[in-house]
Amino acid sequence: MKPASWSYAETFVAEDEILAAARSRAEEVGVTPVGPGAGAALRFLASVLDARAVVEIGTGTGVSGLWMLRGMRADGVLTTVDIEAEHQRLAKETFTEAGIPANRARTIAGAGLDVLPRLTDGHYDLVFCDGDKREYAAYLKEALRLLRPGGVVVFDNALWHDRVADPAQRDEETVTIRDLGRTILEHEALVPVLLPVGDGLLAAKKEWSPEA
């Protein structure tokens, strides 16, 4: 794919001034949010799933959260987890500016692997993981417990700045993401897809199977 075609696809669904403001906040605090293409894909998935309950690991300044909230049901609730309380404060500003009712976005300050075990089994339609890449395998394990059958788990940075596709790259984060892809591919209860949007989205549907 030529760069012009990639750029065209990446910005096919345009962002508004609220998302632009959230991106500016992210830049100020050193956060890298999902790109517009990944955001549009997340909104699409939330809409297709008719999502009522979504978990996000890595709140940032609310870019990905707002994309998902805009695809969810009108009564849907996003539970978003981040170790940085200041980032979550900025995310709340984003949600407020977008007219999202306060009861639709539940922010929890803490490490993902400390918070996820406290969430309800089989309750969620979508789990989006954009936290510590080294913890992705553990996030998958928690996501399989949290998702209802038919629900979807999504991992951001699945291409990790073009490093995952290069077998010569052996740093810890790259290897973890590469191994995650293999695990998901080989999991009999998951239907996977790797989307080349943003820095890559790895998604998998949890099949209607007791093995999941």
N, C-alpha and C. Protein backbone atom coordinates (compact mmCIF):
# COMPACT_ATOMS: atom_id res chain seq x y z
N MET A 1 0.84 -1.19 0.00
CA MET A 1 0.00 0.00 0.00
C MET A 1 0.88 1.25 0.00
N LYS A 2 0.59 2.17 -0.89
CA LYS A 2 1.35 3.40 -0.96
C LYS A 2 1.00 4.31 0.22
N PRO A 3 1.96 5.12 0.67
CA PRO A 3 1.70 6.02 1.82
C PRO A 3 0.46 6.89 1.63
N ALA A 4 0.20 7.33 0.41
CA ALA A 4 -0.97 8.18 0.18
C ALA A 4 -2.26 7.41 0.44
N SER A 5 -2.30 6.14 0.05
CA SER A 5 -3.50 5.32 0.29
C SER A 5 -3.67 5.04 1.77
N TRP A 6 -2.54 4.76 2.46
CA TRP A 6 -2.62 4.52 3.91
C TRP A 6 -3.15 5.77 4.62
N SER A 7 -2.63 6.92 4.26
CA SER A 7 -3.08 8.17 4.89
C SER A 7 -4.55 8.43 4.61
N TYR A 8 -4.97 8.12 3.38
CA TYR A 8 -6.37 8.31 3.01
C TYR A 8 -7.27 7.43 3.88
N ALA A 9 -6.88 6.17 4.03
CA ALA A 9 -7.66 5.24 4.85
C ALA A 9 -7.63 5.63 6.32
N GLU A 10 -6.46 6.07 6.80
CA GLU A 10 -6.29 6.40 8.21
C GLU A 10 -7.19 7.57 8.63
N THR A 11 -7.43 8.49 7.72
CA THR A 11 -8.23 9.68 8.05
C THR A 11 -9.59 9.65 7.36
N PHE A 12 -10.00 8.49 6.87
CA PHE A 12 -11.27 8.36 6.16
C PHE A 12 -12.44 8.81 7.03
N VAL A 13 -12.43 8.39 8.30
CA VAL A 13 -13.43 8.89 9.26
C VAL A 13 -12.77 10.03 10.03
N ALA A 14 -13.22 11.23 9.78
CA ALA A 14 -12.56 12.42 10.33
C ALA A 14 -12.83 12.59 11.82
N GLU A 15 -11.87 13.15 12.51
CA GLU A 15 -12.03 13.50 13.92
C GLU A 15 -12.54 14.93 14.04
N ASP A 16 -13.26 15.20 15.12
CA ASP A 16 -13.79 16.55 15.35
C ASP A 16 -12.88 17.33 16.27
N GLU A 17 -13.31 18.54 16.61
CA GLU A 17 -12.47 19.42 17.43
C GLU A 17 -12.30 18.90 18.85
N ILE A 18 -13.24 18.11 19.33
CA ILE A 18 -13.12 17.56 20.69
C ILE A 18 -12.00 16.53 20.74
N LEU A 19 -11.93 15.66 19.75
CA LEU A 19 -10.84 14.69 19.69
C LEU A 19 -9.51 15.39 19.42
N ALA A 20 -9.54 16.44 18.62
CA ALA A 20 -8.31 17.21 18.37
C ALA A 20 -7.79 17.81 19.66
N ALA A 21 -8.69 18.34 20.50
CA ALA A 21 -8.29 18.91 21.79
C ALA A 21 -7.73 17.84 22.71
N ALA A 22 -8.33 16.65 22.67
CA ALA A 22 -7.82 15.54 23.49
C ALA A 22 -6.43 15.14 23.04
N ARG A 23 -6.18 15.18 21.74
CA ARG A 23 -4.84 14.86 21.22
C ARG A 23 -3.83 15.92 21.67
N SER A 24 -4.24 17.16 21.72
CA SER A 24 -3.34 18.23 22.18
C SER A 24 -2.97 18.00 23.65
N ARG A 25 -3.94 17.62 24.45
CA ARG A 25 -3.66 17.32 25.87
C ARG A 25 -2.69 16.14 25.98
N ALA A 26 -2.89 15.14 25.12
CA ALA A 26 -2.02 13.97 25.15
C ALA A 26 -0.58 14.36 24.85
N GLU A 27 -0.41 15.22 23.88
CA GLU A 27 0.94 15.67 23.53
C GLU A 27 1.58 16.42 24.68
N GLU A 28 0.79 17.21 25.39
CA GLU A 28 1.31 17.99 26.52
C GLU A 28 1.82 17.11 27.65
N VAL A 29 1.16 15.98 27.87
CA VAL A 29 1.55 15.11 28.99
C VAL A 29 2.35 13.89 28.54
N GLY A 30 2.72 13.84 27.26
CA GLY A 30 3.57 12.76 26.77
C GLY A 30 2.88 11.44 26.56
N VAL A 31 1.59 11.49 26.22
CA VAL A 31 0.82 10.28 25.95
C VAL A 31 0.64 10.12 24.44
N THR A 32 0.73 8.88 23.96
CA THR A 32 0.51 8.61 22.54
C THR A 32 -0.83 7.89 22.37
N PRO A 33 -1.86 8.60 21.92
CA PRO A 33 -3.18 7.96 21.76
C PRO A 33 -3.26 7.15 20.47
N VAL A 34 -4.32 6.39 20.32
CA VAL A 34 -4.54 5.66 19.07
C VAL A 34 -4.73 6.67 17.94
N GLY A 35 -4.38 6.25 16.74
CA GLY A 35 -4.59 7.11 15.58
C GLY A 35 -6.05 7.13 15.18
N PRO A 36 -6.41 8.03 14.27
CA PRO A 36 -7.81 8.13 13.83
C PRO A 36 -8.34 6.84 13.23
N GLY A 37 -7.50 6.12 12.46
CA GLY A 37 -7.96 4.86 11.88
C GLY A 37 -8.28 3.82 12.92
N ALA A 38 -7.43 3.71 13.94
CA ALA A 38 -7.68 2.77 15.03
C ALA A 38 -8.90 3.20 15.83
N GLY A 39 -9.04 4.52 16.05
CA GLY A 39 -10.21 5.01 16.76
C GLY A 39 -11.50 4.66 16.04
N ALA A 40 -11.50 4.86 14.72
CA ALA A 40 -12.69 4.53 13.94
C ALA A 40 -12.99 3.04 14.00
N ALA A 41 -11.94 2.21 13.99
CA ALA A 41 -12.13 0.75 14.09
C ALA A 41 -12.72 0.38 15.45
N LEU A 42 -12.27 1.04 16.51
CA LEU A 42 -12.81 0.76 17.84
C LEU A 42 -14.28 1.18 17.93
N ARG A 43 -14.61 2.32 17.37
CA ARG A 43 -16.01 2.75 17.37
C ARG A 43 -16.86 1.75 16.59
N PHE A 44 -16.34 1.30 15.45
CA PHE A 44 -17.06 0.32 14.63
C PHE A 44 -17.32 -0.96 15.42
N LEU A 45 -16.29 -1.47 16.10
CA LEU A 45 -16.45 -2.70 16.88
C LEU A 45 -17.47 -2.51 18.00
N ALA A 46 -17.39 -1.38 18.71
CA ALA A 46 -18.34 -1.12 19.79
C ALA A 46 -19.76 -1.07 19.25
N SER A 47 -19.92 -0.51 18.05
CA SER A 47 -21.25 -0.41 17.45
C SER A 47 -21.76 -1.77 16.99
N VAL A 48 -20.90 -2.53 16.32
CA VAL A 48 -21.30 -3.86 15.83
C VAL A 48 -21.68 -4.78 17.00
N LEU A 49 -20.94 -4.66 18.09
CA LEU A 49 -21.21 -5.48 19.27
C LEU A 49 -22.41 -4.98 20.07
N ASP A 50 -22.94 -3.79 19.69
CA ASP A 50 -24.02 -3.17 20.46
C ASP A 50 -23.59 -3.10 21.93
N ALA A 51 -22.35 -2.65 22.13
CA ALA A 51 -21.70 -2.77 23.43
C ALA A 51 -22.38 -1.96 24.52
N ARG A 52 -22.63 -2.65 25.62
CA ARG A 52 -23.20 -2.01 26.81
C ARG A 52 -22.14 -1.84 27.90
N ALA A 53 -21.11 -2.71 27.88
CA ALA A 53 -20.06 -2.66 28.90
C ALA A 53 -18.71 -2.88 28.24
N VAL A 54 -17.81 -1.90 28.41
CA VAL A 54 -16.48 -1.95 27.80
C VAL A 54 -15.43 -1.67 28.85
N VAL A 55 -14.31 -2.39 28.78
CA VAL A 55 -13.16 -2.14 29.65
C VAL A 55 -12.01 -1.62 28.79
N GLU A 56 -11.34 -0.59 29.28
CA GLU A 56 -10.17 -0.04 28.61
C GLU A 56 -9.01 0.00 29.59
N ILE A 57 -7.87 -0.53 29.17
CA ILE A 57 -6.65 -0.46 29.97
C ILE A 57 -5.74 0.56 29.31
N GLY A 58 -5.58 1.71 29.94
CA GLY A 58 -4.81 2.80 29.38
C GLY A 58 -5.74 3.93 28.93
N THR A 59 -6.13 4.77 29.88
CA THR A 59 -7.10 5.83 29.60
C THR A 59 -6.52 6.92 28.72
N GLY A 60 -5.27 7.29 28.99
CA GLY A 60 -4.68 8.43 28.30
C GLY A 60 -5.51 9.68 28.56
N THR A 61 -5.72 10.48 27.54
CA THR A 61 -6.53 11.69 27.71
C THR A 61 -7.92 11.53 27.10
N GLY A 62 -8.32 10.27 26.86
CA GLY A 62 -9.70 10.01 26.48
C GLY A 62 -9.96 9.86 25.00
N VAL A 63 -8.92 9.82 24.17
CA VAL A 63 -9.14 9.71 22.73
C VAL A 63 -9.82 8.38 22.38
N SER A 64 -9.20 7.26 22.74
CA SER A 64 -9.79 5.96 22.42
C SER A 64 -11.11 5.75 23.16
N GLY A 65 -11.17 6.23 24.41
CA GLY A 65 -12.40 6.09 25.18
C GLY A 65 -13.57 6.79 24.52
N LEU A 66 -13.34 7.98 24.00
CA LEU A 66 -14.42 8.73 23.35
C LEU A 66 -14.85 8.04 22.06
N TRP A 67 -13.88 7.55 21.29
CA TRP A 67 -14.25 6.81 20.08
C TRP A 67 -15.17 5.64 20.44
N MET A 68 -14.83 4.87 21.47
CA MET A 68 -15.65 3.71 21.84
C MET A 68 -17.00 4.14 22.40
N LEU A 69 -17.03 5.15 23.23
CA LEU A 69 -18.30 5.63 23.77
C LEU A 69 -19.25 6.05 22.66
N ARG A 70 -18.72 6.60 21.61
CA ARG A 70 -19.57 7.04 20.49
C ARG A 70 -20.11 5.87 19.68
N GLY A 71 -19.52 4.68 19.85
CA GLY A 71 -20.05 3.51 19.17
C GLY A 71 -20.94 2.64 20.04
N MET A 72 -20.86 2.83 21.34
CA MET A 72 -21.62 2.01 22.28
C MET A 72 -23.09 2.40 22.32
N ARG A 73 -23.87 1.57 22.97
CA ARG A 73 -25.27 1.90 23.22
C ARG A 73 -25.37 3.18 24.04
N ALA A 74 -26.52 3.83 23.95
CA ALA A 74 -26.71 5.09 24.67
C ALA A 74 -26.64 4.90 26.18
N ASP A 75 -26.90 3.68 26.65
CA ASP A 75 -26.82 3.40 28.08
C ASP A 75 -25.54 2.65 28.44
N GLY A 76 -24.62 2.54 27.50
CA GLY A 76 -23.39 1.79 27.74
C GLY A 76 -22.43 2.50 28.67
N VAL A 77 -21.65 1.71 29.40
CA VAL A 77 -20.70 2.25 30.37
C VAL A 77 -19.29 1.79 30.02
N LEU A 78 -18.38 2.76 29.94
CA LEU A 78 -16.96 2.49 29.74
C LEU A 78 -16.26 2.50 31.09
N THR A 79 -15.57 1.42 31.41
CA THR A 79 -14.72 1.36 32.60
C THR A 79 -13.28 1.48 32.11
N THR A 80 -12.63 2.58 32.46
CA THR A 80 -11.29 2.83 31.93
C THR A 80 -10.28 2.95 33.06
N VAL A 81 -9.16 2.25 32.90
CA VAL A 81 -8.16 2.08 33.95
C VAL A 81 -6.84 2.72 33.52
N ASP A 82 -6.24 3.48 34.41
CA ASP A 82 -4.93 4.07 34.11
C ASP A 82 -4.20 4.31 35.41
N ILE A 83 -2.89 4.13 35.37
CA ILE A 83 -2.09 4.32 36.58
C ILE A 83 -1.90 5.79 36.91
N GLU A 84 -2.14 6.67 35.92
CA GLU A 84 -1.95 8.11 36.10
C GLU A 84 -3.29 8.81 36.32
N ALA A 85 -3.54 9.25 37.54
CA ALA A 85 -4.79 9.94 37.84
C ALA A 85 -4.92 11.25 37.08
N GLU A 86 -3.81 11.93 36.82
CA GLU A 86 -3.86 13.19 36.08
C GLU A 86 -4.34 12.96 34.65
N HIS A 87 -3.92 11.88 34.04
CA HIS A 87 -4.39 11.56 32.69
C HIS A 87 -5.90 11.35 32.71
N GLN A 88 -6.38 10.68 33.73
CA GLN A 88 -7.82 10.43 33.81
C GLN A 88 -8.60 11.73 34.04
N ARG A 89 -8.02 12.66 34.74
CA ARG A 89 -8.67 13.96 34.91
C ARG A 89 -8.84 14.64 33.55
N LEU A 90 -7.80 14.55 32.73
CA LEU A 90 -7.87 15.14 31.40
C LEU A 90 -8.87 14.38 30.52
N ALA A 91 -8.94 13.07 30.69
CA ALA A 91 -9.92 12.28 29.94
C ALA A 91 -11.34 12.69 30.31
N LYS A 92 -11.58 12.95 31.58
CA LYS A 92 -12.91 13.39 32.01
C LYS A 92 -13.27 14.72 31.35
N GLU A 93 -12.29 15.59 31.16
CA GLU A 93 -12.54 16.84 30.45
C GLU A 93 -12.99 16.55 29.01
N THR A 94 -12.32 15.59 28.39
CA THR A 94 -12.68 15.21 27.02
C THR A 94 -14.11 14.70 26.97
N PHE A 95 -14.46 13.80 27.88
CA PHE A 95 -15.80 13.22 27.89
C PHE A 95 -16.86 14.29 28.15
N THR A 96 -16.56 15.21 29.07
CA THR A 96 -17.51 16.28 29.38
C THR A 96 -17.72 17.18 28.17
N GLU A 97 -16.64 17.54 27.50
CA GLU A 97 -16.75 18.39 26.31
C GLU A 97 -17.57 17.71 25.22
N ALA A 98 -17.52 16.39 25.18
CA ALA A 98 -18.26 15.64 24.17
C ALA A 98 -19.71 15.40 24.57
N GLY A 99 -20.09 15.84 25.75
CA GLY A 99 -21.47 15.65 26.20
C GLY A 99 -21.77 14.26 26.71
N ILE A 100 -20.74 13.52 27.10
CA ILE A 100 -20.94 12.18 27.65
C ILE A 100 -21.37 12.30 29.11
N PRO A 101 -22.52 11.76 29.50
CA PRO A 101 -22.94 11.80 30.91
C PRO A 101 -21.89 11.16 31.82
N ALA A 102 -21.70 11.74 32.99
CA ALA A 102 -20.67 11.26 33.91
C ALA A 102 -20.83 9.79 34.27
N ASN A 103 -22.08 9.30 34.32
CA ASN A 103 -22.30 7.91 34.72
C ASN A 103 -21.99 6.90 33.62
N ARG A 104 -21.58 7.40 32.45
CA ARG A 104 -21.24 6.49 31.35
C ARG A 104 -19.74 6.22 31.26
N ALA A 105 -18.94 6.92 32.03
CA ALA A 105 -17.48 6.73 32.00
C ALA A 105 -16.97 6.56 33.43
N ARG A 106 -16.63 5.34 33.78
CA ARG A 106 -16.12 5.05 35.12
C ARG A 106 -14.61 4.96 35.05
N THR A 107 -13.91 5.90 35.68
CA THR A 107 -12.45 5.90 35.68
C THR A 107 -11.95 5.28 36.97
N ILE A 108 -10.97 4.40 36.83
CA ILE A 108 -10.35 3.76 37.99
C ILE A 108 -8.85 3.98 37.89
N ALA A 109 -8.27 4.65 38.87
CA ALA A 109 -6.83 4.90 38.89
C ALA A 109 -6.13 3.69 39.52
N GLY A 110 -5.20 3.10 38.78
CA GLY A 110 -4.47 1.95 39.29
C GLY A 110 -3.84 1.18 38.15
N ALA A 111 -3.00 0.23 38.51
CA ALA A 111 -2.36 -0.63 37.51
C ALA A 111 -3.38 -1.62 36.96
N GLY A 112 -3.30 -1.89 35.67
CA GLY A 112 -4.28 -2.78 35.05
C GLY A 112 -4.39 -4.13 35.73
N LEU A 113 -3.27 -4.74 36.06
CA LEU A 113 -3.32 -6.09 36.65
C LEU A 113 -3.75 -6.08 38.10
N ASP A 114 -3.83 -4.90 38.71
CA ASP A 114 -4.40 -4.79 40.05
C ASP A 114 -5.92 -4.61 39.99
N VAL A 115 -6.38 -3.93 38.94
CA VAL A 115 -7.80 -3.59 38.82
C VAL A 115 -8.60 -4.68 38.13
N LEU A 116 -8.08 -5.24 37.06
CA LEU A 116 -8.85 -6.20 36.26
C LEU A 116 -9.38 -7.38 37.07
N PRO A 117 -8.61 -7.97 37.99
CA PRO A 117 -9.14 -9.10 38.75
C PRO A 117 -10.37 -8.76 39.60
N ARG A 118 -10.61 -7.48 39.83
CA ARG A 118 -11.76 -7.07 40.63
C ARG A 118 -13.03 -6.87 39.80
N LEU A 119 -12.90 -6.96 38.48
CA LEU A 119 -14.06 -6.75 37.61
C LEU A 119 -14.82 -8.06 37.40
N THR A 120 -16.07 -7.95 36.98
CA THR A 120 -17.00 -9.08 36.95
C THR A 120 -16.77 -10.01 35.77
N ASP A 121 -16.75 -11.30 36.05
CA ASP A 121 -16.59 -12.32 35.01
C ASP A 121 -17.72 -12.24 33.99
N GLY A 122 -17.38 -12.42 32.71
CA GLY A 122 -18.37 -12.58 31.66
C GLY A 122 -19.32 -11.42 31.47
N HIS A 123 -18.93 -10.23 31.90
CA HIS A 123 -19.85 -9.09 31.91
C HIS A 123 -19.63 -8.14 30.74
N TYR A 124 -18.49 -8.22 30.07
CA TYR A 124 -18.10 -7.17 29.14
C TYR A 124 -18.17 -7.62 27.68
N ASP A 125 -18.53 -6.65 26.83
CA ASP A 125 -18.65 -6.90 25.40
C ASP A 125 -17.33 -6.67 24.67
N LEU A 126 -16.52 -5.75 25.19
CA LEU A 126 -15.28 -5.35 24.52
C LEU A 126 -14.24 -5.00 25.57
N VAL A 127 -13.03 -5.50 25.38
CA VAL A 127 -11.89 -5.16 26.24
C VAL A 127 -10.80 -4.61 25.34
N PHE A 128 -10.40 -3.37 25.59
CA PHE A 128 -9.36 -2.73 24.79
C PHE A 128 -8.10 -2.56 25.64
N CYS A 129 -6.99 -3.10 25.17
CA CYS A 129 -5.74 -3.10 25.93
C CYS A 129 -4.72 -2.17 25.28
N ASP A 130 -4.34 -1.13 26.01
CA ASP A 130 -3.34 -0.19 25.53
C ASP A 130 -2.46 0.26 26.70
N GLY A 131 -2.13 -0.72 27.54
CA GLY A 131 -1.30 -0.43 28.71
C GLY A 131 0.13 -0.90 28.48
N ASP A 132 0.76 -1.40 29.53
CA ASP A 132 2.14 -1.88 29.48
C ASP A 132 2.24 -3.07 28.53
N LYS A 133 3.01 -2.91 27.46
CA LYS A 133 3.11 -3.97 26.45
C LYS A 133 3.65 -5.27 27.05
N ARG A 134 4.49 -5.16 28.04
CA ARG A 134 5.07 -6.36 28.65
C ARG A 134 4.03 -7.18 29.40
N GLU A 135 2.87 -6.59 29.67
CA GLU A 135 1.80 -7.27 30.40
C GLU A 135 0.68 -7.76 29.49
N TYR A 136 0.90 -7.69 28.17
CA TYR A 136 -0.17 -8.04 27.24
C TYR A 136 -0.67 -9.48 27.42
N ALA A 137 0.23 -10.42 27.67
CA ALA A 137 -0.21 -11.81 27.85
C ALA A 137 -1.12 -11.94 29.06
N ALA A 138 -0.80 -11.22 30.13
CA ALA A 138 -1.64 -11.24 31.32
C ALA A 138 -2.98 -10.55 31.07
N TYR A 139 -2.96 -9.48 30.27
CA TYR A 139 -4.21 -8.81 29.91
C TYR A 139 -5.13 -9.77 29.15
N LEU A 140 -4.54 -10.57 28.25
CA LEU A 140 -5.35 -11.52 27.49
C LEU A 140 -6.04 -12.50 28.43
N LYS A 141 -5.30 -13.02 29.38
CA LYS A 141 -5.88 -13.97 30.33
C LYS A 141 -7.06 -13.34 31.08
N GLU A 142 -6.89 -12.10 31.52
CA GLU A 142 -7.98 -11.42 32.22
C GLU A 142 -9.14 -11.13 31.28
N ALA A 143 -8.83 -10.74 30.05
CA ALA A 143 -9.89 -10.42 29.09
C ALA A 143 -10.76 -11.63 28.80
N LEU A 144 -10.17 -12.80 28.68
CA LEU A 144 -10.95 -14.00 28.41
C LEU A 144 -11.93 -14.30 29.54
N ARG A 145 -11.55 -13.95 30.73
CA ARG A 145 -12.45 -14.12 31.88
C ARG A 145 -13.54 -13.06 31.88
N LEU A 146 -13.18 -11.83 31.51
CA LEU A 146 -14.12 -10.71 31.60
C LEU A 146 -15.14 -10.70 30.47
N LEU A 147 -14.77 -11.19 29.30
CA LEU A 147 -15.65 -11.10 28.14
C LEU A 147 -16.79 -12.11 28.19
N ARG A 148 -17.94 -11.66 27.72
CA ARG A 148 -19.04 -12.59 27.47
C ARG A 148 -18.69 -13.39 26.21
N PRO A 149 -19.30 -14.57 26.02
CA PRO A 149 -19.12 -15.25 24.74
C PRO A 149 -19.61 -14.34 23.60
N GLY A 150 -18.81 -14.25 22.55
CA GLY A 150 -19.13 -13.34 21.46
C GLY A 150 -18.48 -11.98 21.60
N GLY A 151 -17.89 -11.71 22.76
CA GLY A 151 -17.20 -10.44 22.99
C GLY A 151 -15.85 -10.41 22.31
N VAL A 152 -15.24 -9.24 22.28
CA VAL A 152 -14.00 -9.03 21.52
C VAL A 152 -12.94 -8.37 22.39
N VAL A 153 -11.71 -8.87 22.30
CA VAL A 153 -10.55 -8.24 22.93
C VAL A 153 -9.71 -7.61 21.82
N VAL A 154 -9.18 -6.42 22.11
CA VAL A 154 -8.39 -5.68 21.13
C VAL A 154 -7.11 -5.19 21.79
N PHE A 155 -5.98 -5.37 21.09
CA PHE A 155 -4.69 -4.89 21.57
C PHE A 155 -4.16 -3.83 20.62
N ASP A 156 -3.76 -2.67 21.16
CA ASP A 156 -3.15 -1.63 20.35
C ASP A 156 -1.65 -1.91 20.20
N ASN A 157 -1.03 -1.23 19.23
CA ASN A 157 0.41 -1.35 18.96
C ASN A 157 0.80 -2.77 18.59
N ALA A 158 -0.08 -3.45 17.88
CA ALA A 158 0.19 -4.85 17.51
C ALA A 158 1.31 -4.97 16.48
N LEU A 159 1.66 -3.87 15.81
CA LEU A 159 2.79 -3.88 14.88
C LEU A 159 4.02 -3.24 15.49
N TRP A 160 3.83 -2.52 16.58
CA TRP A 160 4.89 -1.93 17.41
C TRP A 160 5.97 -1.26 16.58
N HIS A 161 5.55 -0.23 15.87
CA HIS A 161 6.47 0.61 15.10
C HIS A 161 7.30 -0.20 14.09
N ASP A 162 6.63 -1.15 13.45
CA ASP A 162 7.23 -2.01 12.42
C ASP A 162 8.25 -3.01 12.96
N ARG A 163 8.30 -3.17 14.28
CA ARG A 163 9.29 -4.07 14.86
C ARG A 163 8.80 -5.52 14.91
N VAL A 164 7.50 -5.73 15.09
CA VAL A 164 6.97 -7.09 15.25
C VAL A 164 7.21 -7.93 14.00
N ALA A 165 7.08 -7.32 12.82
CA ALA A 165 7.25 -8.06 11.56
C ALA A 165 8.72 -8.37 11.24
N ASP A 166 9.62 -7.79 11.99
CA ASP A 166 11.06 -7.98 11.74
C ASP A 166 11.62 -8.97 12.76
N PRO A 167 11.90 -10.21 12.36
CA PRO A 167 12.37 -11.23 13.32
C PRO A 167 13.69 -10.87 13.99
N ALA A 168 14.43 -9.93 13.44
CA ALA A 168 15.69 -9.52 14.05
C ALA A 168 15.48 -8.68 15.31
N GLN A 169 14.28 -8.13 15.47
CA GLN A 169 13.98 -7.30 16.64
C GLN A 169 13.60 -8.21 17.81
N ARG A 170 14.42 -8.18 18.87
CA ARG A 170 14.24 -9.13 19.97
C ARG A 170 14.11 -8.46 21.34
N ASP A 171 13.77 -7.17 21.36
CA ASP A 171 13.58 -6.51 22.66
C ASP A 171 12.33 -7.09 23.33
N GLU A 172 12.23 -6.88 24.65
CA GLU A 172 11.19 -7.53 25.44
C GLU A 172 9.78 -7.20 24.96
N GLU A 173 9.53 -5.93 24.69
CA GLU A 173 8.17 -5.54 24.29
C GLU A 173 7.81 -6.14 22.94
N THR A 174 8.74 -6.09 21.99
CA THR A 174 8.47 -6.65 20.66
C THR A 174 8.21 -8.15 20.74
N VAL A 175 9.02 -8.86 21.49
CA VAL A 175 8.86 -10.32 21.62
C VAL A 175 7.53 -10.64 22.29
N THR A 176 7.16 -9.87 23.30
CA THR A 176 5.89 -10.11 23.99
C THR A 176 4.71 -9.95 23.03
N ILE A 177 4.73 -8.89 22.24
CA ILE A 177 3.63 -8.66 21.30
C ILE A 177 3.60 -9.73 20.22
N ARG A 178 4.78 -10.13 19.74
CA ARG A 178 4.85 -11.19 18.73
C ARG A 178 4.32 -12.51 19.29
N ASP A 179 4.71 -12.83 20.51
CA ASP A 179 4.23 -14.06 21.15
C ASP A 179 2.72 -14.01 21.40
N LEU A 180 2.22 -12.83 21.74
CA LEU A 180 0.78 -12.67 21.93
C LEU A 180 0.03 -13.03 20.65
N GLY A 181 0.54 -12.55 19.52
CA GLY A 181 -0.10 -12.87 18.25
C GLY A 181 -0.18 -14.37 18.02
N ARG A 182 0.91 -15.08 18.31
CA ARG A 182 0.91 -16.53 18.13
C ARG A 182 -0.09 -17.20 19.07
N THR A 183 -0.13 -16.74 20.32
CA THR A 183 -1.05 -17.31 21.30
C THR A 183 -2.49 -17.16 20.83
N ILE A 184 -2.82 -15.98 20.35
CA ILE A 184 -4.19 -15.73 19.89
C ILE A 184 -4.50 -16.56 18.65
N LEU A 185 -3.54 -16.66 17.73
CA LEU A 185 -3.75 -17.46 16.53
C LEU A 185 -4.02 -18.92 16.86
N GLU A 186 -3.34 -19.44 17.87
CA GLU A 186 -3.43 -20.86 18.21
C GLU A 186 -4.55 -21.18 19.18
N HIS A 187 -5.21 -20.16 19.72
CA HIS A 187 -6.27 -20.37 20.71
C HIS A 187 -7.55 -20.83 20.01
N GLU A 188 -8.01 -22.03 20.35
CA GLU A 188 -9.15 -22.62 19.66
C GLU A 188 -10.45 -21.87 19.89
N ALA A 189 -10.52 -21.07 20.95
CA ALA A 189 -11.76 -20.37 21.27
C ALA A 189 -11.74 -18.91 20.82
N LEU A 190 -10.76 -18.53 20.00
CA LEU A 190 -10.66 -17.15 19.53
C LEU A 190 -10.64 -17.09 18.01
N VAL A 191 -11.31 -16.08 17.47
CA VAL A 191 -11.27 -15.80 16.03
C VAL A 191 -10.51 -14.49 15.84
N PRO A 192 -9.27 -14.55 15.32
CA PRO A 192 -8.40 -13.37 15.31
C PRO A 192 -8.41 -12.60 13.99
N VAL A 193 -8.01 -11.33 14.09
CA VAL A 193 -7.73 -10.52 12.91
C VAL A 193 -6.70 -9.46 13.31
N LEU A 194 -5.77 -9.19 12.40
CA LEU A 194 -4.77 -8.14 12.62
C LEU A 194 -5.06 -7.02 11.62
N LEU A 195 -5.43 -5.85 12.14
CA LEU A 195 -5.80 -4.72 11.30
C LEU A 195 -4.63 -3.75 11.19
N PRO A 196 -4.17 -3.43 9.97
CA PRO A 196 -3.04 -2.52 9.81
C PRO A 196 -3.46 -1.06 9.85
N VAL A 197 -4.13 -0.68 10.92
CA VAL A 197 -4.51 0.72 11.14
C VAL A 197 -3.68 1.27 12.29
N GLY A 198 -3.37 2.57 12.24
CA GLY A 198 -2.53 3.13 13.29
C GLY A 198 -1.23 2.37 13.40
N ASP A 199 -0.93 1.90 14.61
CA ASP A 199 0.26 1.09 14.86
C ASP A 199 -0.11 -0.39 14.95
N GLY A 200 -1.29 -0.72 14.39
CA GLY A 200 -1.75 -2.11 14.37
C GLY A 200 -2.73 -2.40 15.50
N LEU A 201 -3.87 -2.97 15.14
CA LEU A 201 -4.84 -3.45 16.13
C LEU A 201 -4.99 -4.95 15.96
N LEU A 202 -4.72 -5.71 17.02
CA LEU A 202 -4.92 -7.15 17.03
C LEU A 202 -6.23 -7.41 17.78
N ALA A 203 -7.21 -7.97 17.08
CA ALA A 203 -8.52 -8.21 17.68
C ALA A 203 -8.85 -9.69 17.62
N ALA A 204 -9.64 -10.15 18.59
CA ALA A 204 -10.06 -11.55 18.60
C ALA A 204 -11.42 -11.67 19.26
N LYS A 205 -12.30 -12.41 18.61
CA LYS A 205 -13.63 -12.68 19.17
C LYS A 205 -13.57 -13.93 20.03
N LYS A 206 -14.17 -13.85 21.18
CA LYS A 206 -14.28 -15.01 22.06
C LYS A 206 -15.48 -15.84 21.60
N GLU A 207 -15.22 -17.04 21.12
CA GLU A 207 -16.26 -17.89 20.59
C GLU A 207 -17.23 -18.35 21.69
N TRP A 208 -18.39 -18.81 21.23
CA TRP A 208 -19.40 -19.33 22.15
C TRP A 208 -18.99 -20.74 22.54
N SER A 209 -17.98 -20.83 23.40
CA SER A 209 -17.40 -22.11 23.76
C SER A 209 -17.03 -22.12 25.23
N PRO A 210 -17.33 -23.19 25.96
CA PRO A 210 -16.95 -23.26 27.38
C PRO A 210 -15.45 -23.28 27.58
N GLU A 211 -14.67 -23.59 26.51
CA GLU A 211 -13.22 -23.65 26.64
C GLU A 211 -12.61 -22.28 26.86
N ALA A 212 -13.33 -21.19 26.44
CA ALA A 212 -12.78 -19.84 26.57
C ALA A 212 -12.75 -19.42 28.00
